[in-house]
Amino acid sequence: MEDQQIFLDIACFFTGENRDKVIRICDGSGGNGLCGFRNLENKCLVEVNSKNQVRMHDHLRDMGREIADASSQHRFWRSTEKNDDLLQQSSIIKEVRGIRMTDDSSVMPLCQTSSELSGNCQMKLYNMLSVCISRQSPFDGSGICMRNLQLLHTTGGVLVKRILTKVQFPNLVWLRWDNCPYSSLPSSISLKNLRVLQVSGSKLKTLWKKESQVN
């Protein structure tokens, strides 16, 4: 994994995250995370504060996000009109590297067509994925497969669970699920390449119902 890709991942997803977690994620993405991170530090592109959190100057972060928006390794860290258009293309959705999805209302229904999209910007990524799923041929009977997706940060309940059961992420390296309302995680989540799992939720009792997930 090139230093530039580590820089772009940090700009889009990892400012404020624990340094050791970020390095572990970079290792899982096919590179030398420690070496790459130190290279960025030496170039003053990133820094680590007293809490071991990765920090980046706002101007550098914004520049990195602009570069990421134009990169062939798509990182959907926000909803924009351009990203919404890209997510409707099956050739693009399968090339996405990272997605940040947030959910203001866990009970808002998924839109079925692009003309029904919600005006809530934080819901658009869910809606566009739903549209994409409805247009794809089934992958092993369960939806579509996003083989290149390695980074996923999400928040919420009903919509998140539907995406996680309809879309396969076999190469997921980082999963952060804030405010998970379930007592356990969906068994459909692949652990094969997972390096960092961050889950929070007042109802969470165990990670998976099926012990076979850890075998």
N, C-alpha and C. Protein backbone atom coordinates (compact mmCIF):
# COMPACT_ATOMS: atom_id res chain seq x y z
N MET A 1 0.85 -1.20 0.00
CA MET A 1 0.00 0.00 0.00
C MET A 1 0.88 1.24 0.00
N GLU A 2 0.70 2.11 -0.99
CA GLU A 2 1.54 3.29 -1.13
C GLU A 2 1.22 4.32 -0.04
N ASP A 3 2.23 5.15 0.25
CA ASP A 3 2.06 6.19 1.26
C ASP A 3 0.90 7.12 0.91
N GLN A 4 0.74 7.41 -0.38
CA GLN A 4 -0.33 8.31 -0.79
C GLN A 4 -1.70 7.73 -0.44
N GLN A 5 -1.86 6.42 -0.61
CA GLN A 5 -3.14 5.80 -0.30
C GLN A 5 -3.42 5.84 1.20
N ILE A 6 -2.37 5.66 2.01
CA ILE A 6 -2.53 5.78 3.46
C ILE A 6 -2.95 7.20 3.82
N PHE A 7 -2.32 8.17 3.18
CA PHE A 7 -2.65 9.58 3.42
C PHE A 7 -4.12 9.84 3.08
N LEU A 8 -4.59 9.32 1.96
CA LEU A 8 -5.98 9.54 1.53
C LEU A 8 -6.96 8.85 2.47
N ASP A 9 -6.62 7.65 2.93
CA ASP A 9 -7.49 6.95 3.88
C ASP A 9 -7.62 7.74 5.18
N ILE A 10 -6.50 8.28 5.65
CA ILE A 10 -6.53 9.07 6.89
C ILE A 10 -7.37 10.32 6.70
N ALA A 11 -7.20 11.00 5.58
CA ALA A 11 -7.95 12.23 5.31
C ALA A 11 -9.45 11.97 5.29
N CYS A 12 -9.84 10.85 4.72
CA CYS A 12 -11.27 10.56 4.55
C CYS A 12 -11.91 9.87 5.76
N PHE A 13 -11.14 9.05 6.46
CA PHE A 13 -11.76 8.19 7.48
C PHE A 13 -11.12 8.21 8.86
N PHE A 14 -9.82 8.52 8.96
CA PHE A 14 -9.12 8.19 10.20
C PHE A 14 -8.59 9.35 11.02
N THR A 15 -8.93 10.59 10.70
CA THR A 15 -8.52 11.68 11.59
C THR A 15 -9.25 11.52 12.92
N GLY A 16 -8.49 11.50 13.98
CA GLY A 16 -9.07 11.30 15.31
C GLY A 16 -9.05 9.86 15.78
N GLU A 17 -8.71 8.92 14.89
CA GLU A 17 -8.65 7.52 15.27
C GLU A 17 -7.32 7.19 15.96
N ASN A 18 -7.31 6.09 16.69
CA ASN A 18 -6.11 5.63 17.38
C ASN A 18 -5.02 5.26 16.39
N ARG A 19 -3.80 5.72 16.63
CA ARG A 19 -2.68 5.50 15.72
C ARG A 19 -2.44 4.02 15.47
N ASP A 20 -2.43 3.21 16.53
CA ASP A 20 -2.13 1.79 16.38
C ASP A 20 -3.19 1.08 15.55
N LYS A 21 -4.45 1.50 15.69
CA LYS A 21 -5.52 0.92 14.89
C LYS A 21 -5.34 1.26 13.42
N VAL A 22 -4.98 2.50 13.15
CA VAL A 22 -4.78 2.92 11.77
C VAL A 22 -3.66 2.12 11.12
N ILE A 23 -2.56 1.92 11.84
CA ILE A 23 -1.44 1.15 11.30
C ILE A 23 -1.87 -0.30 11.04
N ARG A 24 -2.64 -0.86 11.95
CA ARG A 24 -3.12 -2.23 11.77
C ARG A 24 -4.01 -2.36 10.54
N ILE A 25 -4.85 -1.35 10.32
CA ILE A 25 -5.73 -1.34 9.15
C ILE A 25 -4.91 -1.25 7.87
N CYS A 26 -3.91 -0.40 7.88
CA CYS A 26 -3.04 -0.25 6.70
C CYS A 26 -2.29 -1.54 6.41
N ASP A 27 -1.85 -2.24 7.46
CA ASP A 27 -1.20 -3.54 7.28
C ASP A 27 -2.16 -4.52 6.60
N GLY A 28 -3.40 -4.51 7.05
CA GLY A 28 -4.39 -5.42 6.50
C GLY A 28 -4.78 -5.09 5.08
N SER A 29 -4.47 -3.87 4.64
CA SER A 29 -4.80 -3.45 3.28
C SER A 29 -3.70 -3.80 2.29
N GLY A 30 -2.67 -4.48 2.76
CA GLY A 30 -1.65 -4.96 1.84
C GLY A 30 -0.36 -4.17 1.83
N GLY A 31 -0.11 -3.38 2.86
CA GLY A 31 1.12 -2.59 2.89
C GLY A 31 1.80 -2.65 4.23
N ASN A 32 2.90 -1.92 4.35
CA ASN A 32 3.61 -1.80 5.62
C ASN A 32 3.09 -0.55 6.31
N GLY A 33 2.11 -0.73 7.19
CA GLY A 33 1.44 0.40 7.80
C GLY A 33 2.36 1.28 8.62
N LEU A 34 3.23 0.66 9.42
CA LEU A 34 4.13 1.42 10.29
C LEU A 34 5.09 2.25 9.47
N CYS A 35 5.69 1.64 8.46
CA CYS A 35 6.64 2.35 7.60
C CYS A 35 5.96 3.50 6.87
N GLY A 36 4.80 3.23 6.32
CA GLY A 36 4.08 4.26 5.60
C GLY A 36 3.66 5.40 6.50
N PHE A 37 3.20 5.07 7.71
CA PHE A 37 2.78 6.11 8.64
C PHE A 37 3.95 6.98 9.06
N ARG A 38 5.09 6.35 9.32
CA ARG A 38 6.28 7.12 9.71
C ARG A 38 6.74 8.03 8.58
N ASN A 39 6.61 7.57 7.34
CA ASN A 39 6.96 8.41 6.20
C ASN A 39 6.09 9.67 6.16
N LEU A 40 4.81 9.49 6.43
CA LEU A 40 3.90 10.64 6.46
C LEU A 40 4.24 11.59 7.61
N GLU A 41 4.60 11.01 8.75
CA GLU A 41 5.00 11.83 9.90
C GLU A 41 6.25 12.62 9.57
N ASN A 42 7.22 11.98 8.94
CA ASN A 42 8.48 12.66 8.60
C ASN A 42 8.26 13.81 7.63
N LYS A 43 7.22 13.69 6.82
CA LYS A 43 6.90 14.75 5.86
C LYS A 43 5.92 15.77 6.44
N CYS A 44 5.62 15.61 7.75
CA CYS A 44 4.70 16.52 8.47
C CYS A 44 3.30 16.54 7.85
N LEU A 45 2.89 15.41 7.29
CA LEU A 45 1.55 15.30 6.71
C LEU A 45 0.54 14.82 7.75
N VAL A 46 1.02 14.10 8.76
CA VAL A 46 0.17 13.67 9.86
C VAL A 46 0.95 13.83 11.16
N GLU A 47 0.23 13.82 12.26
CA GLU A 47 0.87 13.86 13.57
C GLU A 47 0.02 13.08 14.55
N VAL A 48 0.59 12.77 15.71
CA VAL A 48 -0.11 12.01 16.75
C VAL A 48 -0.12 12.85 18.01
N ASN A 49 -1.31 13.03 18.61
CA ASN A 49 -1.40 13.85 19.82
C ASN A 49 -1.12 13.04 21.08
N SER A 50 -1.27 13.65 22.22
CA SER A 50 -0.94 13.00 23.49
C SER A 50 -1.86 11.83 23.81
N LYS A 51 -3.01 11.75 23.14
CA LYS A 51 -3.95 10.65 23.35
C LYS A 51 -3.75 9.53 22.32
N ASN A 52 -2.66 9.61 21.57
CA ASN A 52 -2.33 8.63 20.53
C ASN A 52 -3.35 8.65 19.39
N GLN A 53 -3.94 9.81 19.17
CA GLN A 53 -4.90 9.97 18.07
C GLN A 53 -4.21 10.59 16.86
N VAL A 54 -4.56 10.11 15.69
CA VAL A 54 -4.00 10.64 14.45
C VAL A 54 -4.65 11.97 14.12
N ARG A 55 -3.83 12.98 13.89
CA ARG A 55 -4.33 14.31 13.55
C ARG A 55 -3.75 14.76 12.22
N MET A 56 -4.46 15.64 11.57
CA MET A 56 -4.04 16.18 10.29
C MET A 56 -4.55 17.61 10.19
N HIS A 57 -3.71 18.51 9.70
CA HIS A 57 -4.13 19.90 9.55
C HIS A 57 -5.34 19.97 8.62
N ASP A 58 -6.26 20.87 8.94
CA ASP A 58 -7.50 20.97 8.16
C ASP A 58 -7.25 21.14 6.67
N HIS A 59 -6.26 21.97 6.32
CA HIS A 59 -5.97 22.21 4.91
C HIS A 59 -5.45 20.95 4.22
N LEU A 60 -4.60 20.19 4.92
CA LEU A 60 -4.10 18.94 4.36
C LEU A 60 -5.22 17.92 4.24
N ARG A 61 -6.09 17.87 5.25
CA ARG A 61 -7.23 16.95 5.20
C ARG A 61 -8.13 17.25 4.01
N ASP A 62 -8.44 18.54 3.82
CA ASP A 62 -9.31 18.93 2.71
C ASP A 62 -8.66 18.64 1.36
N MET A 63 -7.34 18.88 1.28
CA MET A 63 -6.63 18.58 0.04
C MET A 63 -6.66 17.08 -0.23
N GLY A 64 -6.45 16.28 0.80
CA GLY A 64 -6.49 14.84 0.64
C GLY A 64 -7.85 14.35 0.19
N ARG A 65 -8.91 14.95 0.72
CA ARG A 65 -10.26 14.55 0.33
C ARG A 65 -10.56 14.93 -1.11
N GLU A 66 -10.03 16.06 -1.55
CA GLU A 66 -10.21 16.45 -2.95
C GLU A 66 -9.51 15.46 -3.89
N ILE A 67 -8.30 15.04 -3.49
CA ILE A 67 -7.57 14.06 -4.29
C ILE A 67 -8.32 12.73 -4.29
N ALA A 68 -8.83 12.35 -3.14
CA ALA A 68 -9.57 11.09 -3.03
C ALA A 68 -10.82 11.09 -3.89
N ASP A 69 -11.48 12.23 -3.97
CA ASP A 69 -12.70 12.33 -4.79
C ASP A 69 -12.41 12.07 -6.27
N ALA A 70 -11.17 12.36 -6.69
CA ALA A 70 -10.80 12.17 -8.09
C ALA A 70 -10.06 10.86 -8.32
N SER A 71 -9.86 10.07 -7.26
CA SER A 71 -9.08 8.84 -7.36
C SER A 71 -9.91 7.70 -7.93
N SER A 72 -9.24 6.76 -8.57
CA SER A 72 -9.92 5.57 -9.09
C SER A 72 -10.31 4.62 -7.97
N GLN A 73 -9.64 4.72 -6.83
CA GLN A 73 -10.02 3.95 -5.65
C GLN A 73 -11.05 4.78 -4.87
N HIS A 74 -12.30 4.58 -5.19
CA HIS A 74 -13.36 5.46 -4.70
C HIS A 74 -13.52 5.34 -3.18
N ARG A 75 -13.56 6.50 -2.54
CA ARG A 75 -13.81 6.59 -1.11
C ARG A 75 -15.02 7.50 -0.92
N PHE A 76 -16.13 6.92 -0.47
CA PHE A 76 -17.35 7.69 -0.27
C PHE A 76 -17.45 8.08 1.19
N TRP A 77 -16.82 9.20 1.53
CA TRP A 77 -16.81 9.66 2.92
C TRP A 77 -17.91 10.69 3.18
N ARG A 78 -18.63 11.08 2.14
CA ARG A 78 -19.75 12.01 2.27
C ARG A 78 -20.67 11.80 1.08
N SER A 79 -21.88 12.34 1.16
CA SER A 79 -22.82 12.25 0.06
C SER A 79 -22.74 13.52 -0.78
N THR A 80 -22.46 13.37 -2.08
CA THR A 80 -22.48 14.49 -3.01
C THR A 80 -23.25 14.04 -4.25
N GLU A 81 -23.64 14.99 -5.07
CA GLU A 81 -24.37 14.65 -6.29
C GLU A 81 -23.53 13.74 -7.19
N LYS A 82 -22.22 14.04 -7.26
CA LYS A 82 -21.33 13.22 -8.08
C LYS A 82 -21.25 11.80 -7.54
N ASN A 83 -21.10 11.66 -6.22
CA ASN A 83 -21.01 10.34 -5.63
C ASN A 83 -22.30 9.56 -5.80
N ASP A 84 -23.43 10.25 -5.66
CA ASP A 84 -24.72 9.60 -5.85
C ASP A 84 -24.84 9.04 -7.26
N ASP A 85 -24.35 9.79 -8.26
CA ASP A 85 -24.37 9.31 -9.64
C ASP A 85 -23.46 8.10 -9.82
N LEU A 86 -22.27 8.16 -9.18
CA LEU A 86 -21.32 7.07 -9.30
C LEU A 86 -21.86 5.78 -8.69
N LEU A 87 -22.56 5.92 -7.56
CA LEU A 87 -23.07 4.75 -6.87
C LEU A 87 -24.15 4.02 -7.65
N GLN A 88 -24.70 4.68 -8.67
CA GLN A 88 -25.71 4.04 -9.50
C GLN A 88 -25.09 3.19 -10.61
N GLN A 89 -23.76 3.27 -10.76
CA GLN A 89 -23.07 2.52 -11.80
C GLN A 89 -22.50 1.23 -11.22
N SER A 90 -22.95 0.11 -11.75
CA SER A 90 -22.50 -1.18 -11.20
C SER A 90 -21.00 -1.35 -11.30
N SER A 91 -20.39 -0.78 -12.34
CA SER A 91 -18.94 -0.91 -12.50
C SER A 91 -18.19 -0.13 -11.43
N ILE A 92 -18.81 0.91 -10.89
CA ILE A 92 -18.19 1.74 -9.86
C ILE A 92 -18.41 1.14 -8.48
N ILE A 93 -19.62 0.71 -8.20
CA ILE A 93 -19.94 0.24 -6.86
C ILE A 93 -19.05 -0.93 -6.44
N LYS A 94 -18.60 -1.72 -7.42
CA LYS A 94 -17.76 -2.86 -7.10
C LYS A 94 -16.29 -2.48 -6.93
N GLU A 95 -15.96 -1.22 -7.21
CA GLU A 95 -14.57 -0.76 -7.08
C GLU A 95 -14.35 0.13 -5.85
N VAL A 96 -15.40 0.36 -5.08
CA VAL A 96 -15.31 1.26 -3.93
C VAL A 96 -14.39 0.68 -2.86
N ARG A 97 -13.49 1.52 -2.35
CA ARG A 97 -12.56 1.09 -1.30
C ARG A 97 -13.13 1.34 0.10
N GLY A 98 -13.78 2.48 0.29
CA GLY A 98 -14.26 2.82 1.62
C GLY A 98 -15.56 3.59 1.58
N ILE A 99 -16.40 3.39 2.60
CA ILE A 99 -17.69 4.08 2.70
C ILE A 99 -17.92 4.51 4.14
N ARG A 100 -18.36 5.74 4.30
CA ARG A 100 -18.89 6.19 5.59
C ARG A 100 -20.38 6.43 5.41
N MET A 101 -21.19 5.71 6.16
CA MET A 101 -22.64 5.86 6.11
C MET A 101 -23.14 6.24 7.49
N THR A 102 -23.96 7.26 7.55
CA THR A 102 -24.58 7.63 8.82
C THR A 102 -26.08 7.63 8.65
N ASP A 103 -26.78 7.46 9.75
CA ASP A 103 -28.22 7.26 9.71
C ASP A 103 -28.88 8.08 10.81
N ASP A 104 -29.63 9.10 10.42
CA ASP A 104 -30.33 9.93 11.40
C ASP A 104 -31.58 9.26 11.93
N SER A 105 -32.17 8.38 11.12
CA SER A 105 -33.42 7.74 11.53
C SER A 105 -33.39 6.28 11.14
N SER A 106 -33.34 5.40 12.13
CA SER A 106 -33.25 3.97 11.84
C SER A 106 -34.56 3.40 11.34
N VAL A 107 -35.61 4.21 11.32
CA VAL A 107 -36.90 3.69 10.87
C VAL A 107 -37.30 4.25 9.51
N MET A 108 -36.47 5.14 8.91
CA MET A 108 -36.82 5.69 7.61
C MET A 108 -36.67 4.63 6.55
N PRO A 109 -37.71 4.39 5.71
CA PRO A 109 -37.64 3.32 4.72
C PRO A 109 -36.64 3.61 3.62
N LEU A 110 -36.04 2.55 3.07
CA LEU A 110 -35.13 2.70 1.94
C LEU A 110 -35.91 3.06 0.69
N CYS A 111 -35.38 3.97 -0.11
CA CYS A 111 -36.00 4.32 -1.38
C CYS A 111 -35.73 3.21 -2.38
N GLN A 112 -36.65 2.96 -3.27
CA GLN A 112 -36.52 1.90 -4.24
C GLN A 112 -36.07 2.38 -5.62
N THR A 113 -36.26 3.66 -5.92
CA THR A 113 -35.81 4.22 -7.19
C THR A 113 -35.13 5.54 -6.93
N SER A 114 -34.33 5.99 -7.91
CA SER A 114 -33.59 7.23 -7.74
C SER A 114 -34.52 8.42 -7.61
N SER A 115 -35.73 8.34 -8.18
CA SER A 115 -36.66 9.47 -8.10
C SER A 115 -37.27 9.61 -6.72
N GLU A 116 -37.11 8.57 -5.88
CA GLU A 116 -37.69 8.59 -4.54
C GLU A 116 -36.67 8.94 -3.47
N LEU A 117 -35.48 9.37 -3.88
CA LEU A 117 -34.42 9.63 -2.91
C LEU A 117 -34.84 10.64 -1.85
N SER A 118 -34.46 10.34 -0.63
CA SER A 118 -34.73 11.25 0.47
C SER A 118 -33.91 12.51 0.35
N GLY A 119 -34.43 13.61 0.87
CA GLY A 119 -33.69 14.87 0.85
C GLY A 119 -32.63 14.92 1.92
N ASN A 120 -32.64 13.97 2.82
CA ASN A 120 -31.66 13.92 3.90
C ASN A 120 -30.33 13.44 3.35
N CYS A 121 -29.32 14.31 3.35
CA CYS A 121 -28.02 13.96 2.76
C CYS A 121 -27.41 12.74 3.43
N GLN A 122 -27.65 12.57 4.73
CA GLN A 122 -27.04 11.45 5.44
C GLN A 122 -27.68 10.12 5.09
N MET A 123 -28.82 10.15 4.37
CA MET A 123 -29.48 8.92 3.98
C MET A 123 -29.13 8.50 2.56
N LYS A 124 -28.48 9.39 1.79
CA LYS A 124 -28.33 9.12 0.36
C LYS A 124 -27.49 7.89 0.06
N LEU A 125 -26.44 7.67 0.83
CA LEU A 125 -25.61 6.51 0.56
C LEU A 125 -26.41 5.22 0.74
N TYR A 126 -27.25 5.17 1.77
CA TYR A 126 -28.11 4.01 1.95
C TYR A 126 -29.04 3.84 0.76
N ASN A 127 -29.65 4.94 0.37
CA ASN A 127 -30.61 4.88 -0.72
C ASN A 127 -29.98 4.43 -2.03
N MET A 128 -28.79 4.97 -2.34
CA MET A 128 -28.14 4.64 -3.59
C MET A 128 -27.68 3.18 -3.59
N LEU A 129 -27.21 2.68 -2.44
CA LEU A 129 -26.85 1.28 -2.36
C LEU A 129 -28.08 0.39 -2.56
N SER A 130 -29.20 0.84 -2.03
CA SER A 130 -30.44 0.08 -2.21
C SER A 130 -30.83 0.00 -3.67
N VAL A 131 -30.71 1.14 -4.38
CA VAL A 131 -31.01 1.16 -5.80
C VAL A 131 -30.09 0.23 -6.56
N CYS A 132 -28.80 0.29 -6.21
CA CYS A 132 -27.81 -0.56 -6.88
C CYS A 132 -28.12 -2.03 -6.66
N ILE A 133 -28.46 -2.38 -5.42
CA ILE A 133 -28.78 -3.77 -5.10
C ILE A 133 -29.95 -4.26 -5.93
N SER A 134 -30.97 -3.41 -6.09
CA SER A 134 -32.17 -3.82 -6.82
C SER A 134 -31.90 -4.02 -8.30
N ARG A 135 -30.80 -3.44 -8.82
CA ARG A 135 -30.49 -3.54 -10.24
C ARG A 135 -29.52 -4.65 -10.57
N GLN A 136 -28.92 -5.27 -9.56
CA GLN A 136 -27.89 -6.28 -9.80
C GLN A 136 -28.49 -7.68 -9.86
N SER A 137 -27.79 -8.53 -10.60
CA SER A 137 -28.12 -9.95 -10.56
C SER A 137 -27.66 -10.49 -9.22
N PRO A 138 -28.38 -11.41 -8.62
CA PRO A 138 -28.00 -11.93 -7.31
C PRO A 138 -26.61 -12.55 -7.32
N PHE A 139 -25.86 -12.32 -6.27
CA PHE A 139 -24.54 -12.95 -6.09
C PHE A 139 -24.71 -14.05 -5.05
N ASP A 140 -24.67 -15.29 -5.51
CA ASP A 140 -24.92 -16.44 -4.63
C ASP A 140 -26.26 -16.30 -3.91
N GLY A 141 -27.21 -15.68 -4.57
CA GLY A 141 -28.56 -15.58 -4.03
C GLY A 141 -28.73 -14.55 -2.94
N SER A 142 -27.72 -13.74 -2.64
CA SER A 142 -27.86 -12.83 -1.49
C SER A 142 -27.61 -11.36 -1.81
N GLY A 143 -27.34 -11.02 -3.08
CA GLY A 143 -27.14 -9.61 -3.40
C GLY A 143 -25.89 -9.40 -4.23
N ILE A 144 -25.20 -8.28 -4.01
CA ILE A 144 -24.01 -7.98 -4.78
C ILE A 144 -22.77 -8.14 -3.91
N CYS A 145 -21.64 -8.25 -4.57
CA CYS A 145 -20.38 -8.45 -3.86
C CYS A 145 -19.45 -7.27 -4.12
N MET A 146 -19.03 -6.59 -3.06
CA MET A 146 -18.09 -5.48 -3.17
C MET A 146 -16.73 -5.98 -2.69
N ARG A 147 -15.99 -6.61 -3.61
CA ARG A 147 -14.74 -7.26 -3.25
C ARG A 147 -13.65 -6.29 -2.83
N ASN A 148 -13.71 -5.06 -3.32
CA ASN A 148 -12.65 -4.10 -3.04
C ASN A 148 -12.92 -3.25 -1.80
N LEU A 149 -14.11 -3.38 -1.23
CA LEU A 149 -14.43 -2.58 -0.04
C LEU A 149 -13.68 -3.11 1.17
N GLN A 150 -12.84 -2.27 1.74
CA GLN A 150 -12.06 -2.66 2.92
C GLN A 150 -12.37 -1.81 4.14
N LEU A 151 -12.97 -0.64 3.93
CA LEU A 151 -13.21 0.30 5.03
C LEU A 151 -14.69 0.64 5.10
N LEU A 152 -15.31 0.41 6.25
CA LEU A 152 -16.73 0.72 6.41
C LEU A 152 -16.99 1.30 7.79
N HIS A 153 -17.50 2.52 7.81
CA HIS A 153 -17.88 3.20 9.05
C HIS A 153 -19.36 3.53 8.94
N THR A 154 -20.15 3.01 9.84
CA THR A 154 -21.59 3.19 9.75
C THR A 154 -22.20 3.45 11.12
N THR A 155 -23.42 3.95 11.09
CA THR A 155 -24.15 4.27 12.31
C THR A 155 -25.61 3.92 12.11
N GLY A 156 -26.23 3.32 13.09
CA GLY A 156 -27.67 3.11 12.98
C GLY A 156 -28.08 1.66 13.07
N GLY A 157 -29.31 1.37 12.62
CA GLY A 157 -29.86 0.05 12.84
C GLY A 157 -30.44 -0.64 11.63
N VAL A 158 -31.74 -0.42 11.38
CA VAL A 158 -32.47 -1.18 10.37
C VAL A 158 -31.82 -1.08 9.00
N LEU A 159 -31.46 0.12 8.58
CA LEU A 159 -30.88 0.31 7.26
C LEU A 159 -29.51 -0.34 7.15
N VAL A 160 -28.73 -0.22 8.21
CA VAL A 160 -27.40 -0.81 8.22
C VAL A 160 -27.50 -2.33 8.09
N LYS A 161 -28.36 -2.93 8.86
CA LYS A 161 -28.50 -4.39 8.84
C LYS A 161 -28.93 -4.87 7.47
N ARG A 162 -29.81 -4.11 6.83
CA ARG A 162 -30.27 -4.51 5.49
C ARG A 162 -29.12 -4.48 4.49
N ILE A 163 -28.30 -3.44 4.57
CA ILE A 163 -27.14 -3.35 3.67
C ILE A 163 -26.18 -4.51 3.94
N LEU A 164 -25.90 -4.78 5.22
CA LEU A 164 -24.93 -5.81 5.58
C LEU A 164 -25.39 -7.20 5.18
N THR A 165 -26.70 -7.42 5.06
CA THR A 165 -27.20 -8.73 4.66
C THR A 165 -27.39 -8.83 3.15
N LYS A 166 -27.53 -7.70 2.46
CA LYS A 166 -27.74 -7.71 1.02
C LYS A 166 -26.44 -7.59 0.23
N VAL A 167 -25.41 -7.01 0.84
CA VAL A 167 -24.14 -6.80 0.15
C VAL A 167 -23.05 -7.59 0.85
N GLN A 168 -22.24 -8.29 0.07
CA GLN A 168 -21.13 -9.05 0.63
C GLN A 168 -19.85 -8.24 0.58
N PHE A 169 -19.12 -8.21 1.70
CA PHE A 169 -17.84 -7.51 1.82
C PHE A 169 -16.78 -8.53 2.23
N PRO A 170 -16.34 -9.39 1.34
CA PRO A 170 -15.43 -10.49 1.74
C PRO A 170 -14.04 -10.03 2.16
N ASN A 171 -13.64 -8.81 1.79
CA ASN A 171 -12.28 -8.35 2.10
C ASN A 171 -12.27 -7.17 3.08
N LEU A 172 -13.31 -7.07 3.88
CA LEU A 172 -13.41 -5.98 4.84
C LEU A 172 -12.28 -6.05 5.86
N VAL A 173 -11.58 -4.93 6.03
CA VAL A 173 -10.46 -4.84 6.97
C VAL A 173 -10.86 -4.06 8.22
N TRP A 174 -11.67 -3.03 8.04
CA TRP A 174 -12.09 -2.18 9.17
C TRP A 174 -13.59 -2.00 9.16
N LEU A 175 -14.23 -2.34 10.26
CA LEU A 175 -15.66 -2.10 10.44
C LEU A 175 -15.87 -1.32 11.72
N ARG A 176 -16.41 -0.13 11.58
CA ARG A 176 -16.80 0.66 12.75
C ARG A 176 -18.31 0.88 12.67
N TRP A 177 -19.01 0.39 13.69
CA TRP A 177 -20.47 0.50 13.73
C TRP A 177 -20.84 1.19 15.03
N ASP A 178 -21.19 2.46 14.94
CA ASP A 178 -21.59 3.25 16.10
C ASP A 178 -23.08 3.07 16.37
N ASN A 179 -23.43 3.04 17.64
CA ASN A 179 -24.84 2.96 18.06
C ASN A 179 -25.54 1.75 17.46
N CYS A 180 -24.88 0.61 17.49
CA CYS A 180 -25.50 -0.63 17.01
C CYS A 180 -26.63 -1.01 17.97
N PRO A 181 -27.87 -1.14 17.47
CA PRO A 181 -29.00 -1.38 18.37
C PRO A 181 -29.29 -2.85 18.62
N TYR A 182 -28.43 -3.75 18.13
CA TYR A 182 -28.71 -5.17 18.22
C TYR A 182 -27.89 -5.83 19.33
N SER A 183 -28.33 -6.99 19.75
CA SER A 183 -27.62 -7.71 20.81
C SER A 183 -26.41 -8.46 20.26
N SER A 184 -26.37 -8.68 18.93
CA SER A 184 -25.22 -9.32 18.29
C SER A 184 -25.14 -8.83 16.85
N LEU A 185 -24.00 -9.07 16.21
CA LEU A 185 -23.79 -8.63 14.84
C LEU A 185 -24.33 -9.65 13.85
N PRO A 186 -24.73 -9.19 12.65
CA PRO A 186 -25.19 -10.12 11.62
C PRO A 186 -24.10 -11.14 11.29
N SER A 187 -24.49 -12.41 11.17
CA SER A 187 -23.51 -13.46 10.88
C SER A 187 -22.96 -13.36 9.47
N SER A 188 -23.56 -12.50 8.64
CA SER A 188 -23.11 -12.35 7.25
C SER A 188 -21.80 -11.57 7.14
N ILE A 189 -21.38 -10.90 8.20
CA ILE A 189 -20.14 -10.12 8.16
C ILE A 189 -18.94 -11.07 8.12
N SER A 190 -18.09 -10.87 7.11
CA SER A 190 -16.93 -11.74 6.95
C SER A 190 -15.79 -11.32 7.87
N LEU A 191 -15.18 -12.31 8.53
CA LEU A 191 -14.06 -12.05 9.44
C LEU A 191 -12.71 -12.43 8.84
N LYS A 192 -12.73 -12.93 7.60
CA LYS A 192 -11.52 -13.47 7.01
C LYS A 192 -10.36 -12.49 7.02
N ASN A 193 -10.61 -11.24 6.66
CA ASN A 193 -9.54 -10.24 6.57
C ASN A 193 -9.70 -9.10 7.57
N LEU A 194 -10.67 -9.21 8.47
CA LEU A 194 -10.95 -8.12 9.40
C LEU A 194 -9.80 -7.94 10.39
N ARG A 195 -9.27 -6.72 10.46
CA ARG A 195 -8.18 -6.40 11.38
C ARG A 195 -8.65 -5.57 12.57
N VAL A 196 -9.59 -4.67 12.34
CA VAL A 196 -10.07 -3.79 13.41
C VAL A 196 -11.60 -3.77 13.39
N LEU A 197 -12.19 -4.10 14.53
CA LEU A 197 -13.64 -4.08 14.69
C LEU A 197 -13.97 -3.14 15.84
N GLN A 198 -14.75 -2.09 15.54
CA GLN A 198 -15.17 -1.13 16.56
C GLN A 198 -16.69 -1.08 16.56
N VAL A 199 -17.29 -1.58 17.62
CA VAL A 199 -18.75 -1.62 17.71
C VAL A 199 -19.17 -1.05 19.05
N SER A 200 -20.13 -0.15 19.01
CA SER A 200 -20.69 0.40 20.25
C SER A 200 -22.21 0.33 20.19
N GLY A 201 -22.83 0.08 21.34
CA GLY A 201 -24.28 0.02 21.40
C GLY A 201 -24.72 -0.50 22.74
N SER A 202 -25.73 0.11 23.30
CA SER A 202 -26.16 -0.23 24.66
C SER A 202 -26.75 -1.63 24.76
N LYS A 203 -27.24 -2.20 23.63
CA LYS A 203 -27.87 -3.52 23.65
C LYS A 203 -26.91 -4.65 23.28
N LEU A 204 -25.69 -4.30 22.90
CA LEU A 204 -24.74 -5.32 22.44
C LEU A 204 -24.31 -6.23 23.60
N LYS A 205 -24.54 -7.54 23.43
CA LYS A 205 -24.18 -8.52 24.45
C LYS A 205 -23.07 -9.45 23.99
N THR A 206 -23.10 -9.82 22.73
CA THR A 206 -22.08 -10.70 22.16
C THR A 206 -21.87 -10.31 20.72
N LEU A 207 -20.68 -10.59 20.18
CA LEU A 207 -20.42 -10.17 18.81
C LEU A 207 -21.23 -10.95 17.79
N TRP A 208 -21.24 -12.28 17.90
CA TRP A 208 -21.98 -13.09 16.96
C TRP A 208 -22.75 -14.19 17.70
N LYS A 209 -23.91 -14.51 17.17
CA LYS A 209 -24.69 -15.60 17.74
C LYS A 209 -24.05 -16.94 17.42
N LYS A 210 -23.50 -17.05 16.21
CA LYS A 210 -22.90 -18.31 15.78
C LYS A 210 -21.42 -18.34 16.14
N GLU A 211 -21.03 -19.28 16.96
CA GLU A 211 -19.64 -19.40 17.35
C GLU A 211 -18.74 -19.78 16.16
N SER A 212 -19.35 -20.28 15.08
CA SER A 212 -18.58 -20.68 13.91
C SER A 212 -17.88 -19.49 13.28
N GLN A 213 -18.31 -18.28 13.58
CA GLN A 213 -17.68 -17.08 13.02
C GLN A 213 -16.22 -16.96 13.47
N VAL A 214 -15.89 -17.46 14.61
CA VAL A 214 -14.54 -17.28 15.13
C VAL A 214 -13.65 -18.49 14.83
N ASN A 215 -14.17 -19.47 14.11
CA ASN A 215 -13.37 -20.63 13.78
C ASN A 215 -12.52 -20.37 12.55
